[in-house]
Amino acid sequence: MSDLAPSRALAAARAFLGTPYRHQGSRQGVGCDCLGLLRGVWRALHGAEPEDPGPYGVDWSIRGGPDRLLEAARRHLIAVDIADARPGDVVLFCWRAGAPAAHCGILDESGRLIHAYEGAAVVSSPMPRAWSRRIAGVFRFPE
């Protein structure tokens, strides 16, 4: 597998840095949430999105139900073993055992994560060890 997709994805994610947090947003410089960041990076790499996520509430992940985020990642991205993860790969997080994946971001260099920080903006922040234990899956954008 080449490094082209992860390096292009990382560049596209970095272009979102500073974008304000906006629930259900996905536009660079205008506003996005964590899923919107992934959607914006997909559009930068591939154009049209493969599917419309439909509306979702702020509390969608705490209500339980199907793991829509993880299922969509499996449909459209390439699963990667966590040991093979590299900058530009997508990481999904599950905060409680048995709950759906509730947050996502894109790995940055030096153990950092690019993600939409609720109430703030898209940031690159260190990924705490506690988050590493809550990884639900690692995926790569297709070439």
N, C-alpha and C. Protein backbone atom coordinates (compact mmCIF):
# COMPACT_ATOMS: atom_id res chain seq x y z
N MET A 1 0.85 -1.18 0.00
CA MET A 1 0.00 0.00 0.00
C MET A 1 0.89 1.24 0.00
N SER A 2 0.63 2.18 -0.86
CA SER A 2 1.50 3.36 -0.98
C SER A 2 1.20 4.38 0.12
N ASP A 3 2.09 5.34 0.25
CA ASP A 3 1.92 6.42 1.22
C ASP A 3 1.13 7.57 0.65
N LEU A 4 0.69 7.48 -0.60
CA LEU A 4 0.01 8.59 -1.26
C LEU A 4 -1.28 8.98 -0.55
N ALA A 5 -2.17 8.03 -0.28
CA ALA A 5 -3.45 8.36 0.35
C ALA A 5 -3.26 8.98 1.73
N PRO A 6 -2.45 8.38 2.63
CA PRO A 6 -2.30 9.01 3.94
C PRO A 6 -1.65 10.40 3.87
N SER A 7 -0.66 10.59 3.02
CA SER A 7 -0.02 11.90 2.97
C SER A 7 -0.96 12.96 2.39
N ARG A 8 -1.75 12.59 1.41
CA ARG A 8 -2.74 13.53 0.86
C ARG A 8 -3.83 13.82 1.88
N ALA A 9 -4.27 12.79 2.61
CA ALA A 9 -5.30 12.98 3.63
C ALA A 9 -4.78 13.88 4.75
N LEU A 10 -3.54 13.71 5.15
CA LEU A 10 -2.97 14.55 6.19
C LEU A 10 -2.92 16.00 5.75
N ALA A 11 -2.50 16.24 4.52
CA ALA A 11 -2.46 17.62 4.01
C ALA A 11 -3.86 18.23 3.98
N ALA A 12 -4.85 17.45 3.54
CA ALA A 12 -6.23 17.95 3.48
C ALA A 12 -6.75 18.23 4.89
N ALA A 13 -6.44 17.36 5.85
CA ALA A 13 -6.89 17.57 7.24
C ALA A 13 -6.23 18.81 7.83
N ARG A 14 -4.95 19.00 7.57
CA ARG A 14 -4.26 20.18 8.10
C ARG A 14 -4.85 21.47 7.54
N ALA A 15 -5.38 21.43 6.34
CA ALA A 15 -6.02 22.62 5.76
C ALA A 15 -7.25 23.04 6.56
N PHE A 16 -7.83 22.11 7.34
CA PHE A 16 -9.01 22.40 8.17
C PHE A 16 -8.64 23.03 9.52
N LEU A 17 -7.37 23.00 9.90
CA LEU A 17 -6.98 23.53 11.21
C LEU A 17 -7.50 24.96 11.37
N GLY A 18 -8.10 25.21 12.51
CA GLY A 18 -8.67 26.53 12.80
C GLY A 18 -10.11 26.70 12.36
N THR A 19 -10.64 25.75 11.57
CA THR A 19 -12.05 25.82 11.16
C THR A 19 -12.92 25.74 12.41
N PRO A 20 -13.87 26.65 12.57
CA PRO A 20 -14.71 26.63 13.78
C PRO A 20 -15.53 25.34 13.88
N TYR A 21 -15.82 24.94 15.12
CA TYR A 21 -16.68 23.79 15.35
C TYR A 21 -18.12 24.17 15.01
N ARG A 22 -18.76 23.37 14.16
CA ARG A 22 -20.17 23.54 13.83
C ARG A 22 -20.77 22.15 13.69
N HIS A 23 -21.76 21.84 14.53
CA HIS A 23 -22.42 20.54 14.46
C HIS A 23 -22.99 20.33 13.06
N GLN A 24 -22.72 19.19 12.47
CA GLN A 24 -23.13 18.76 11.13
C GLN A 24 -22.47 19.55 10.00
N GLY A 25 -21.55 20.45 10.31
CA GLY A 25 -20.85 21.18 9.26
C GLY A 25 -19.74 20.33 8.66
N SER A 26 -19.32 20.67 7.45
CA SER A 26 -18.23 19.93 6.81
C SER A 26 -17.45 20.81 5.84
N ARG A 27 -17.45 22.13 6.10
CA ARG A 27 -16.79 23.05 5.15
C ARG A 27 -15.56 23.70 5.78
N GLN A 28 -14.45 23.53 5.10
CA GLN A 28 -13.18 24.10 5.54
C GLN A 28 -13.31 25.61 5.71
N GLY A 29 -12.86 26.12 6.84
CA GLY A 29 -12.89 27.56 7.10
C GLY A 29 -14.24 28.09 7.52
N VAL A 30 -15.31 27.33 7.31
CA VAL A 30 -16.67 27.76 7.64
C VAL A 30 -17.13 27.11 8.93
N GLY A 31 -17.02 25.77 9.01
CA GLY A 31 -17.40 25.05 10.21
C GLY A 31 -17.55 23.57 9.96
N CYS A 32 -17.17 22.78 10.96
CA CYS A 32 -17.34 21.33 10.87
C CYS A 32 -17.30 20.71 12.25
N ASP A 33 -17.85 19.49 12.32
CA ASP A 33 -17.70 18.66 13.51
C ASP A 33 -16.73 17.55 13.13
N CYS A 34 -16.57 16.55 14.01
CA CYS A 34 -15.56 15.52 13.72
C CYS A 34 -15.90 14.73 12.46
N LEU A 35 -17.16 14.36 12.27
CA LEU A 35 -17.55 13.67 11.05
C LEU A 35 -17.40 14.59 9.85
N GLY A 36 -17.74 15.84 10.01
CA GLY A 36 -17.59 16.81 8.92
C GLY A 36 -16.15 16.96 8.47
N LEU A 37 -15.21 16.85 9.40
CA LEU A 37 -13.79 16.88 9.02
C LEU A 37 -13.48 15.73 8.07
N LEU A 38 -13.93 14.53 8.42
CA LEU A 38 -13.69 13.38 7.54
C LEU A 38 -14.38 13.56 6.19
N ARG A 39 -15.60 14.09 6.22
CA ARG A 39 -16.33 14.32 4.96
C ARG A 39 -15.59 15.33 4.09
N GLY A 40 -15.07 16.39 4.70
CA GLY A 40 -14.33 17.41 3.94
C GLY A 40 -13.04 16.86 3.36
N VAL A 41 -12.35 16.02 4.12
CA VAL A 41 -11.13 15.40 3.61
C VAL A 41 -11.48 14.45 2.46
N TRP A 42 -12.55 13.68 2.61
CA TRP A 42 -12.98 12.80 1.51
C TRP A 42 -13.21 13.61 0.23
N ARG A 43 -13.93 14.73 0.35
CA ARG A 43 -14.20 15.55 -0.84
C ARG A 43 -12.91 16.09 -1.45
N ALA A 44 -11.95 16.47 -0.61
CA ALA A 44 -10.67 16.96 -1.12
C ALA A 44 -9.92 15.87 -1.89
N LEU A 45 -10.07 14.63 -1.46
CA LEU A 45 -9.37 13.51 -2.10
C LEU A 45 -10.13 12.93 -3.28
N HIS A 46 -11.48 12.86 -3.17
CA HIS A 46 -12.26 12.09 -4.14
C HIS A 46 -13.42 12.82 -4.80
N GLY A 47 -13.71 14.03 -4.38
CA GLY A 47 -14.88 14.72 -4.94
C GLY A 47 -16.12 14.36 -4.15
N ALA A 48 -17.14 13.90 -4.85
CA ALA A 48 -18.44 13.61 -4.22
C ALA A 48 -18.31 12.57 -3.10
N GLU A 49 -19.06 12.80 -2.03
CA GLU A 49 -19.07 11.86 -0.92
C GLU A 49 -19.79 10.57 -1.33
N PRO A 50 -19.39 9.44 -0.77
CA PRO A 50 -20.01 8.17 -1.16
C PRO A 50 -21.43 8.00 -0.66
N GLU A 51 -21.81 8.70 0.42
CA GLU A 51 -23.17 8.65 0.92
C GLU A 51 -23.43 9.88 1.79
N ASP A 52 -24.68 10.20 1.97
CA ASP A 52 -25.10 11.30 2.83
C ASP A 52 -25.34 10.75 4.23
N PRO A 53 -24.69 11.31 5.25
CA PRO A 53 -24.90 10.76 6.59
C PRO A 53 -26.28 11.05 7.16
N GLY A 54 -27.02 11.95 6.54
CA GLY A 54 -28.32 12.32 7.07
C GLY A 54 -28.16 13.13 8.34
N PRO A 55 -29.26 13.65 8.84
CA PRO A 55 -29.17 14.46 10.07
C PRO A 55 -28.85 13.59 11.28
N TYR A 56 -28.14 14.17 12.23
CA TYR A 56 -27.83 13.47 13.47
C TYR A 56 -27.78 14.50 14.60
N GLY A 57 -28.29 14.11 15.74
CA GLY A 57 -28.33 14.99 16.89
C GLY A 57 -26.98 15.05 17.59
N VAL A 58 -26.80 16.04 18.42
CA VAL A 58 -25.56 16.19 19.17
C VAL A 58 -25.32 14.97 20.06
N ASP A 59 -26.38 14.37 20.55
CA ASP A 59 -26.26 13.24 21.47
C ASP A 59 -26.44 11.88 20.79
N TRP A 60 -26.29 11.80 19.48
CA TRP A 60 -26.58 10.57 18.75
C TRP A 60 -25.82 9.37 19.30
N SER A 61 -24.59 9.55 19.74
CA SER A 61 -23.78 8.40 20.14
C SER A 61 -24.10 7.90 21.54
N ILE A 62 -24.68 8.74 22.40
CA ILE A 62 -24.96 8.29 23.76
C ILE A 62 -26.31 7.59 23.86
N ARG A 63 -27.10 7.66 22.80
CA ARG A 63 -28.40 6.99 22.82
C ARG A 63 -28.30 5.52 22.45
N GLY A 64 -27.12 5.07 22.06
CA GLY A 64 -26.95 3.67 21.67
C GLY A 64 -27.43 3.44 20.25
N GLY A 65 -27.84 2.25 19.97
CA GLY A 65 -28.30 1.91 18.62
C GLY A 65 -27.15 1.45 17.75
N PRO A 66 -27.37 1.43 16.45
CA PRO A 66 -26.34 0.92 15.54
C PRO A 66 -25.10 1.82 15.56
N ASP A 67 -23.98 1.22 15.28
CA ASP A 67 -22.71 1.95 15.24
C ASP A 67 -22.53 2.52 13.83
N ARG A 68 -23.28 3.57 13.54
CA ARG A 68 -23.32 4.15 12.19
C ARG A 68 -21.95 4.61 11.71
N LEU A 69 -21.16 5.21 12.59
CA LEU A 69 -19.85 5.73 12.19
C LEU A 69 -18.90 4.59 11.82
N LEU A 70 -18.84 3.57 12.66
CA LEU A 70 -17.96 2.44 12.38
C LEU A 70 -18.42 1.68 11.14
N GLU A 71 -19.72 1.50 10.99
CA GLU A 71 -20.25 0.80 9.81
C GLU A 71 -19.92 1.56 8.53
N ALA A 72 -20.06 2.88 8.54
CA ALA A 72 -19.74 3.69 7.35
C ALA A 72 -18.24 3.62 7.05
N ALA A 73 -17.41 3.67 8.08
CA ALA A 73 -15.97 3.56 7.86
C ALA A 73 -15.64 2.23 7.19
N ARG A 74 -16.27 1.17 7.63
CA ARG A 74 -16.02 -0.15 7.03
C ARG A 74 -16.47 -0.22 5.58
N ARG A 75 -17.52 0.53 5.24
CA ARG A 75 -18.02 0.53 3.85
C ARG A 75 -17.12 1.32 2.90
N HIS A 76 -16.51 2.41 3.39
CA HIS A 76 -15.87 3.34 2.46
C HIS A 76 -14.37 3.52 2.65
N LEU A 77 -13.84 3.08 3.77
CA LEU A 77 -12.41 3.23 4.04
C LEU A 77 -11.77 1.84 4.12
N ILE A 78 -10.46 1.83 4.23
CA ILE A 78 -9.71 0.58 4.29
C ILE A 78 -9.27 0.36 5.74
N ALA A 79 -9.69 -0.75 6.34
CA ALA A 79 -9.30 -1.05 7.72
C ALA A 79 -7.79 -1.27 7.79
N VAL A 80 -7.19 -0.72 8.85
CA VAL A 80 -5.75 -0.81 9.06
C VAL A 80 -5.51 -1.31 10.49
N ASP A 81 -4.57 -2.21 10.66
CA ASP A 81 -4.21 -2.63 12.00
C ASP A 81 -3.63 -1.44 12.75
N ILE A 82 -3.97 -1.31 14.01
CA ILE A 82 -3.51 -0.16 14.79
C ILE A 82 -1.98 -0.06 14.80
N ALA A 83 -1.29 -1.19 14.73
CA ALA A 83 0.18 -1.18 14.71
C ALA A 83 0.72 -0.58 13.41
N ASP A 84 -0.09 -0.56 12.36
CA ASP A 84 0.33 -0.03 11.06
C ASP A 84 -0.19 1.38 10.81
N ALA A 85 -0.85 1.97 11.80
CA ALA A 85 -1.42 3.31 11.62
C ALA A 85 -0.31 4.32 11.40
N ARG A 86 -0.61 5.29 10.54
CA ARG A 86 0.36 6.36 10.26
C ARG A 86 -0.37 7.67 10.05
N PRO A 87 0.37 8.77 10.09
CA PRO A 87 -0.27 10.08 9.89
C PRO A 87 -1.10 10.09 8.60
N GLY A 88 -2.31 10.63 8.72
CA GLY A 88 -3.24 10.65 7.60
C GLY A 88 -4.33 9.60 7.72
N ASP A 89 -4.16 8.64 8.63
CA ASP A 89 -5.17 7.62 8.84
C ASP A 89 -6.28 8.13 9.76
N VAL A 90 -7.45 7.55 9.60
CA VAL A 90 -8.64 7.91 10.37
C VAL A 90 -8.69 7.04 11.62
N VAL A 91 -9.00 7.65 12.76
CA VAL A 91 -9.15 6.91 14.00
C VAL A 91 -10.55 7.18 14.55
N LEU A 92 -11.25 6.10 14.93
CA LEU A 92 -12.57 6.21 15.55
C LEU A 92 -12.43 5.83 17.03
N PHE A 93 -13.19 6.52 17.87
CA PHE A 93 -13.12 6.30 19.32
C PHE A 93 -14.49 5.92 19.87
N CYS A 94 -14.47 4.99 20.81
CA CYS A 94 -15.66 4.57 21.54
C CYS A 94 -15.39 4.85 23.01
N TRP A 95 -16.18 5.72 23.61
CA TRP A 95 -15.90 6.15 24.98
C TRP A 95 -16.34 5.16 26.04
N ARG A 96 -17.31 4.27 25.72
CA ARG A 96 -17.79 3.27 26.68
C ARG A 96 -17.89 1.93 25.99
N ALA A 97 -17.61 0.87 26.72
CA ALA A 97 -17.75 -0.47 26.16
C ALA A 97 -19.20 -0.69 25.73
N GLY A 98 -19.38 -1.21 24.54
CA GLY A 98 -20.71 -1.50 24.02
C GLY A 98 -21.42 -0.33 23.38
N ALA A 99 -20.86 0.86 23.49
CA ALA A 99 -21.47 2.05 22.88
C ALA A 99 -20.92 2.22 21.47
N PRO A 100 -21.66 2.94 20.62
CA PRO A 100 -21.14 3.19 19.27
C PRO A 100 -19.93 4.13 19.30
N ALA A 101 -19.14 4.08 18.24
CA ALA A 101 -18.04 5.04 18.09
C ALA A 101 -18.64 6.44 18.14
N ALA A 102 -18.00 7.32 18.91
CA ALA A 102 -18.59 8.63 19.18
C ALA A 102 -17.71 9.80 18.74
N HIS A 103 -16.50 9.53 18.31
CA HIS A 103 -15.60 10.62 17.91
C HIS A 103 -14.64 10.07 16.87
N CYS A 104 -14.14 10.95 16.03
CA CYS A 104 -13.17 10.53 15.02
C CYS A 104 -12.22 11.68 14.74
N GLY A 105 -11.09 11.32 14.19
CA GLY A 105 -10.09 12.31 13.81
C GLY A 105 -9.10 11.68 12.86
N ILE A 106 -8.10 12.45 12.51
CA ILE A 106 -7.07 12.00 11.58
C ILE A 106 -5.73 12.12 12.27
N LEU A 107 -4.98 11.02 12.25
CA LEU A 107 -3.67 11.02 12.90
C LEU A 107 -2.76 12.06 12.28
N ASP A 108 -2.12 12.83 13.13
CA ASP A 108 -1.10 13.79 12.72
C ASP A 108 0.25 13.19 13.11
N GLU A 109 1.31 13.87 12.83
CA GLU A 109 2.63 13.40 13.21
C GLU A 109 2.85 13.57 14.71
N SER A 110 3.85 12.90 15.24
CA SER A 110 4.29 13.01 16.63
C SER A 110 3.20 12.66 17.64
N GLY A 111 2.36 11.65 17.32
CA GLY A 111 1.34 11.19 18.27
C GLY A 111 0.21 12.17 18.49
N ARG A 112 -0.04 13.03 17.53
CA ARG A 112 -1.10 14.02 17.65
C ARG A 112 -2.31 13.59 16.83
N LEU A 113 -3.44 14.21 17.09
CA LEU A 113 -4.69 13.91 16.41
C LEU A 113 -5.32 15.21 15.92
N ILE A 114 -5.68 15.25 14.65
CA ILE A 114 -6.42 16.38 14.10
C ILE A 114 -7.89 16.03 14.23
N HIS A 115 -8.64 16.87 14.95
CA HIS A 115 -10.06 16.60 15.18
C HIS A 115 -10.79 17.89 15.47
N ALA A 116 -12.10 17.84 15.30
CA ALA A 116 -12.95 19.01 15.60
C ALA A 116 -13.24 18.98 17.09
N TYR A 117 -12.79 19.99 17.78
CA TYR A 117 -12.93 20.09 19.23
C TYR A 117 -14.20 20.87 19.53
N GLU A 118 -15.18 20.17 20.11
CA GLU A 118 -16.50 20.78 20.36
C GLU A 118 -16.37 22.07 21.15
N GLY A 119 -17.04 23.09 20.68
CA GLY A 119 -17.01 24.40 21.33
C GLY A 119 -15.82 25.25 20.93
N ALA A 120 -14.95 24.72 20.08
CA ALA A 120 -13.75 25.47 19.70
C ALA A 120 -13.55 25.42 18.18
N ALA A 121 -12.63 24.57 17.74
CA ALA A 121 -12.26 24.54 16.33
C ALA A 121 -11.58 23.21 16.01
N VAL A 122 -11.18 23.05 14.76
CA VAL A 122 -10.36 21.91 14.38
C VAL A 122 -8.94 22.19 14.88
N VAL A 123 -8.42 21.24 15.64
CA VAL A 123 -7.11 21.40 16.26
C VAL A 123 -6.26 20.15 16.02
N SER A 124 -4.97 20.30 16.21
CA SER A 124 -4.05 19.16 16.28
C SER A 124 -3.58 19.12 17.73
N SER A 125 -4.01 18.10 18.44
CA SER A 125 -3.68 18.02 19.87
C SER A 125 -3.02 16.68 20.17
N PRO A 126 -2.23 16.64 21.25
CA PRO A 126 -1.66 15.35 21.65
C PRO A 126 -2.78 14.37 21.95
N MET A 127 -2.58 13.11 21.59
CA MET A 127 -3.59 12.10 21.87
C MET A 127 -3.26 11.45 23.21
N PRO A 128 -4.08 11.71 24.23
CA PRO A 128 -3.80 11.14 25.55
C PRO A 128 -3.83 9.62 25.53
N ARG A 129 -3.08 9.01 26.42
CA ARG A 129 -3.03 7.55 26.53
C ARG A 129 -4.43 6.97 26.75
N ALA A 130 -5.27 7.68 27.51
CA ALA A 130 -6.64 7.21 27.76
C ALA A 130 -7.41 7.09 26.46
N TRP A 131 -7.19 8.00 25.52
CA TRP A 131 -7.86 7.92 24.22
C TRP A 131 -7.36 6.72 23.43
N SER A 132 -6.07 6.44 23.51
CA SER A 132 -5.50 5.31 22.77
C SER A 132 -6.17 4.01 23.18
N ARG A 133 -6.57 3.91 24.44
CA ARG A 133 -7.24 2.69 24.92
C ARG A 133 -8.69 2.61 24.43
N ARG A 134 -9.20 3.67 23.87
CA ARG A 134 -10.60 3.70 23.44
C ARG A 134 -10.76 3.72 21.91
N ILE A 135 -9.70 3.36 21.21
CA ILE A 135 -9.76 3.32 19.74
C ILE A 135 -10.67 2.17 19.31
N ALA A 136 -11.67 2.49 18.50
CA ALA A 136 -12.63 1.50 18.00
C ALA A 136 -12.21 0.97 16.63
N GLY A 137 -11.35 1.69 15.93
CA GLY A 137 -10.90 1.26 14.62
C GLY A 137 -9.99 2.29 13.99
N VAL A 138 -9.12 1.81 13.11
CA VAL A 138 -8.23 2.68 12.35
C VAL A 138 -8.45 2.35 10.88
N PHE A 139 -8.55 3.39 10.08
CA PHE A 139 -8.89 3.23 8.67
C PHE A 139 -8.04 4.17 7.82
N ARG A 140 -7.90 3.82 6.54
CA ARG A 140 -7.16 4.64 5.59
C ARG A 140 -8.10 5.02 4.45
N PHE A 141 -7.97 6.25 3.99
CA PHE A 141 -8.72 6.65 2.81
C PHE A 141 -8.22 5.85 1.61
N PRO A 142 -9.10 5.46 0.70
CA PRO A 142 -8.64 4.74 -0.49
C PRO A 142 -7.84 5.67 -1.39
N GLU A 143 -7.01 5.06 -2.25
CA GLU A 143 -6.19 5.84 -3.20
C GLU A 143 -7.08 6.59 -4.15
